[in-house]
Every structure is written in C-alpha cells, then in structure tokens.
Amino acid sequence: TRDPNWARDGKLVVYDPGRQAFIVLDPTLGSPTYVPALSGQFGDISPDGSTLVFPELYTPLTTTTTISTETLYASAFSFFSRLQAVNLADNRTTNLSGDAVVEDTAPLYAPDGQWLIFTRRGLTPDTWTPGRQLWRMRPDGREATAITNDPIAYHSAVEWSPDGTRLVYMRTDSSDPSRAPEIWISNADGSDAHAVVSGGFGPEWLP
C-alpha cells in the first residue's frame, strides 16, 4: 500500500495498487471499506468522514460522451479525469464533473465541508490551456466556478486556511520552466489574489 492519509474523524485511507482501490480503515468498524480507483490519486475525505472524493480516470471506452482523437490531444495517454465522490456507507458513487472533458484533480474540502476547491484544465480544442486553473464548487457538484483565469499559469498545492476564508497555493509560469514557482494567497472566492513569495514550494497554514 502507499500514500496514507488521515481523515479528520480518525479514518485512515491508503491506496492498494494491487487491488486498484482505496482501503478505508475506520476504527469504529470491524472490517475495511474498499473503494475502486484506477487513478490511485487521493483527494480528500469530507470533514464529517462520510464521503471520499478523488480524481478518477475516464477513456472513450468508459464514458458515454462522444470524443474524437482531436479532443484529447492535450493528453499523451488519451484519457481524462473527473472528480468522483463515494459515499463510504454504501459505496454509492457520484460524478461531480458532469460530462465535461477535463483534467480535474486535487479536490480539497473546506474546513466546514461547504465547498470543494480543485484544479481543472479543459481538454477540448476550445478549452485547453497550458496551465491548470483553480475552481470551486459545492460538494454535490453544483456552482462550479473558476476562481483563477490565467491560461499560462499552472496552479497547484492549494490549501484552505483553518477558518476557510482564504487559500494559499503554488503558481507556476508554464511558458518558462526556468522561472521559480510563486506562492500566492487569495480569498476563498479567488478575489484579492496576490503573490507573497517567489521560489516557494508546498505552502501550509499554521493551525
């Protein structure tokens, strides 16, 4: 297994490449819960411990959306990713990204569980950009809105402030690989975004 992550309610989530599934270990239950996942990329568990959300892989063979080869030119492996939410009580699955042909990754719940922040890059010829943008939506997929709008900038490593009012993240210039990443801070809706340091990695908030 790999990539252990603690949920806020005490659950432990690890990925088992052999099973191609997340293993959810709940101290209140006598046996683990297995959540199938091809991508193996952990996302987050809701603050109440009820839902696991993560990016899952889709290909033309695993989706009802009609996709041409040209649509996927941004992906060297001809696949895309959508955010998947799994109810850990019954393994009921919800596709949060809808029918969009996108590269959705890194979902993270707000401390109060009312919002998800994630990164998105469109993969159709009219939506593709070099960088991933930050998006925000409700945990059920409603009100999905881009909160950054810089096609060249690649946004990653986003973290909520403990009170849920602000975000800190890395911003990289995808047109210049030699340029050091910057650490930016913004309000939760993307307003008042500004750089605070150049050359930083993996920002975190103090408790």
Protein backbone atom coordinates (compact mmCIF):
# COMPACT_ATOMS: atom_id res chain seq x y z
CA THR A 1 0.00 0.00 0.00
CA ARG A 2 1.02 3.65 -0.34
CA ASP A 3 0.05 7.25 0.33
CA PRO A 4 -1.59 7.03 3.78
CA ASN A 5 -3.90 9.92 4.66
CA TRP A 6 -5.77 10.61 7.88
CA ALA A 7 -9.34 11.86 7.79
CA ARG A 8 -10.35 14.42 10.38
CA ASP A 9 -12.66 11.93 12.10
CA GLY A 10 -9.90 9.35 12.58
CA LYS A 11 -10.30 7.21 9.44
CA LEU A 12 -7.11 6.13 7.66
CA VAL A 13 -7.08 5.91 3.85
CA VAL A 14 -4.33 4.11 1.90
CA TYR A 15 -4.08 3.08 -1.75
CA ASP A 16 -3.55 -0.56 -2.72
CA PRO A 17 -2.12 -0.74 -6.30
CA GLY A 18 -2.73 -4.49 -6.45
CA ARG A 19 -6.45 -4.10 -5.78
CA GLN A 20 -6.59 -0.77 -7.62
CA ALA A 21 -8.64 0.51 -4.72
CA PHE A 22 -8.51 2.79 -1.71
CA ILE A 23 -8.68 1.00 1.63
CA VAL A 24 -10.59 2.96 4.26
CA LEU A 25 -9.83 1.83 7.81
CA ASP A 26 -12.42 3.02 10.30
CA PRO A 27 -11.64 2.32 13.99
CA THR A 28 -15.38 2.07 14.70
CA LEU A 29 -15.89 -0.76 12.16
CA GLY A 30 -14.67 -4.34 12.24
CA SER A 31 -13.59 -4.51 8.58
CA PRO A 32 -12.18 -2.09 5.99
CA THR A 33 -14.08 -0.46 3.14
CA TYR A 34 -12.68 -0.84 -0.40
CA VAL A 35 -13.24 1.91 -2.96
CA PRO A 36 -12.23 1.01 -6.55
CA ALA A 37 -9.98 3.66 -8.13
CA LEU A 38 -7.94 3.37 -11.31
CA SER A 39 -6.09 6.67 -10.93
CA GLY A 40 -4.65 5.95 -7.48
CA GLN A 41 -4.67 9.68 -6.75
CA PHE A 42 -6.00 10.56 -3.32
CA GLY A 43 -8.25 13.58 -2.99
CA ASP A 44 -9.87 14.23 0.38
CA ILE A 45 -12.43 12.94 2.88
CA SER A 46 -15.28 15.21 3.94
CA PRO A 47 -14.93 16.71 7.43
CA ASP A 48 -17.76 14.51 8.71
CA GLY A 49 -15.98 11.40 7.38
CA SER A 50 -18.88 10.30 5.16
CA THR A 51 -17.50 10.90 1.65
CA LEU A 52 -14.27 10.20 -0.22
CA VAL A 53 -13.61 12.39 -3.25
CA PHE A 54 -10.81 11.79 -5.76
CA PRO A 55 -9.97 12.14 -9.47
CA GLU A 56 -10.86 9.05 -11.50
CA LEU A 57 -9.69 8.16 -14.99
CA TYR A 58 -12.03 8.03 -17.96
CA THR A 59 -11.36 7.00 -21.55
CA PRO A 60 -13.60 6.87 -24.64
CA LEU A 61 -14.40 3.27 -23.62
CA THR A 62 -15.59 4.18 -20.12
CA THR A 63 -17.78 7.17 -20.86
CA THR A 64 -20.93 7.81 -22.85
CA THR A 65 -19.54 11.14 -24.05
CA THR A 66 -18.58 11.12 -27.74
CA ILE A 67 -14.92 12.07 -28.01
CA SER A 68 -12.74 12.41 -31.08
CA THR A 69 -8.99 11.87 -31.09
CA GLU A 70 -8.51 15.60 -31.58
CA THR A 71 -10.47 16.28 -28.39
CA LEU A 72 -7.81 14.54 -26.32
CA TYR A 73 -4.71 15.99 -27.95
CA ALA A 74 -3.69 17.59 -24.66
CA SER A 75 -3.26 14.17 -23.03
CA ALA A 76 -0.43 11.94 -24.18
CA PHE A 77 -2.30 8.90 -22.84
CA SER A 78 -5.73 9.71 -24.35
CA PHE A 79 -7.58 9.79 -21.06
CA PHE A 80 -9.11 12.45 -18.86
CA SER A 81 -10.10 12.71 -15.22
CA ARG A 82 -13.31 13.64 -13.44
CA LEU A 83 -13.94 14.09 -9.76
CA GLN A 84 -15.72 11.16 -8.16
CA ALA A 85 -17.43 11.27 -4.76
CA VAL A 86 -18.08 7.99 -2.95
CA ASN A 87 -20.45 7.63 -0.01
CA LEU A 88 -18.48 5.39 2.36
CA ALA A 89 -21.64 3.98 3.96
CA ASP A 90 -22.83 2.25 0.78
CA ASN A 91 -20.15 2.91 -1.90
CA ARG A 92 -22.66 4.96 -3.90
CA THR A 93 -20.69 6.96 -6.50
CA THR A 94 -21.38 10.44 -7.91
CA ASN A 95 -19.57 12.02 -10.86
CA LEU A 96 -19.03 15.64 -9.76
CA SER A 97 -17.51 16.84 -13.04
CA GLY A 98 -20.53 16.03 -15.20
CA ASP A 99 -19.98 15.39 -18.91
CA ALA A 100 -17.08 17.82 -19.22
CA VAL A 101 -13.95 16.53 -20.98
CA VAL A 102 -11.47 17.84 -18.45
CA GLU A 103 -8.48 17.10 -16.29
CA ASP A 104 -9.92 17.63 -12.79
CA THR A 105 -7.52 16.91 -9.94
CA ALA A 106 -6.62 17.64 -6.31
CA PRO A 107 -10.07 18.13 -4.70
CA LEU A 108 -9.97 19.52 -1.17
CA TYR A 109 -12.86 20.16 1.21
CA ALA A 110 -13.22 23.47 3.01
CA PRO A 111 -12.91 23.09 6.80
CA ASP A 112 -16.68 23.40 7.18
CA GLY A 113 -17.38 20.98 4.31
CA GLN A 114 -19.43 23.53 2.34
CA TRP A 115 -17.08 23.86 -0.64
CA LEU A 116 -14.57 21.86 -2.67
CA ILE A 117 -11.55 23.50 -4.23
CA PHE A 118 -9.84 21.69 -7.13
CA THR A 119 -7.72 22.25 -10.24
CA ARG A 120 -9.04 21.95 -13.78
CA ARG A 121 -7.71 22.02 -17.30
CA GLY A 122 -10.05 21.69 -20.26
CA LEU A 123 -9.06 19.03 -22.82
CA THR A 124 -11.14 20.06 -25.82
CA PRO A 125 -9.56 22.22 -28.54
CA ASP A 126 -11.59 25.26 -27.45
CA THR A 127 -10.96 24.88 -23.69
CA TRP A 128 -7.38 23.59 -23.43
CA THR A 129 -4.80 25.80 -21.70
CA PRO A 130 -1.16 25.14 -20.77
CA GLY A 131 -1.89 25.63 -17.08
CA ARG A 132 -4.47 24.30 -14.64
CA GLN A 133 -6.87 26.78 -13.08
CA LEU A 134 -8.35 26.76 -9.58
CA TRP A 135 -12.06 26.01 -9.39
CA ARG A 136 -14.56 25.97 -6.55
CA MET A 137 -17.85 24.07 -6.29
CA ARG A 138 -20.34 22.66 -3.82
CA PRO A 139 -19.68 19.07 -2.63
CA ASP A 140 -22.55 17.79 -4.81
CA GLY A 141 -21.10 19.37 -7.99
CA ARG A 142 -23.27 22.49 -8.07
CA GLU A 143 -21.98 26.06 -8.59
CA ALA A 144 -18.70 25.03 -10.22
CA THR A 145 -16.82 28.27 -10.94
CA ALA A 146 -13.27 29.11 -11.99
CA ILE A 147 -11.61 31.36 -9.41
CA THR A 148 -8.39 31.92 -11.40
CA ASN A 149 -8.21 32.92 -15.05
CA ASP A 150 -4.65 32.88 -16.33
CA PRO A 151 -4.21 30.32 -19.16
CA ILE A 152 -0.42 30.31 -18.82
CA ALA A 153 -0.31 29.87 -15.04
CA TYR A 154 -0.26 26.37 -13.54
CA HIS A 155 -1.93 26.31 -10.12
CA SER A 156 -1.24 23.54 -7.61
CA ALA A 157 -0.66 22.63 -3.94
CA VAL A 158 -3.73 24.60 -2.80
CA GLU A 159 -4.60 24.66 0.91
CA TRP A 160 -7.52 26.17 2.81
CA SER A 161 -6.83 28.46 5.76
CA PRO A 162 -8.06 26.92 9.06
CA ASP A 163 -11.05 29.30 9.12
CA GLY A 164 -11.97 28.57 5.49
CA THR A 165 -11.78 32.19 4.35
CA ARG A 166 -8.56 32.12 2.33
CA LEU A 167 -6.45 29.93 0.05
CA VAL A 168 -2.72 29.54 -0.38
CA TYR A 169 -1.29 27.85 -3.47
CA MET A 170 1.64 27.49 -5.83
CA ARG A 171 1.56 29.35 -9.13
CA THR A 172 4.00 28.33 -11.88
CA ASP A 173 4.57 30.02 -15.25
CA SER A 174 4.10 27.16 -17.72
CA SER A 175 5.68 29.21 -20.52
CA ASP A 176 9.01 29.49 -18.65
CA PRO A 177 10.14 26.31 -16.84
CA SER A 178 13.24 28.08 -15.53
CA ARG A 179 11.17 30.57 -13.54
CA ALA A 180 10.76 29.69 -9.87
CA PRO A 181 7.22 28.94 -8.61
CA GLU A 182 5.47 31.63 -6.60
CA ILE A 183 3.31 31.29 -3.51
CA TRP A 184 0.03 33.16 -3.79
CA ILE A 185 -2.77 33.92 -1.33
CA SER A 186 -6.37 34.80 -2.17
CA ASN A 187 -9.79 34.92 -0.60
CA ALA A 188 -11.83 31.72 -0.87
CA ASP A 189 -13.68 33.07 -3.92
CA GLY A 190 -10.42 33.95 -5.69
CA SER A 191 -10.58 37.68 -5.01
CA ASP A 192 -7.60 39.70 -3.72
CA ALA A 193 -5.13 37.19 -5.23
CA HIS A 194 -1.51 38.24 -4.83
CA ALA A 195 1.98 36.75 -4.63
CA VAL A 196 3.67 36.59 -1.23
CA VAL A 197 6.99 34.91 -2.09
CA SER A 198 8.96 33.66 -5.10
CA GLY A 199 10.77 30.33 -5.04
CA GLY A 200 8.46 28.62 -2.54
CA PHE A 201 7.03 25.09 -2.56
CA GLY A 202 4.29 23.19 -0.74
CA PRO A 203 2.69 26.01 1.29
CA GLU A 204 0.88 25.22 4.56
CA TRP A 205 -1.08 27.27 7.08
CA LEU A 206 -0.21 27.43 10.74
CA PRO A 207 -3.01 25.89 12.88
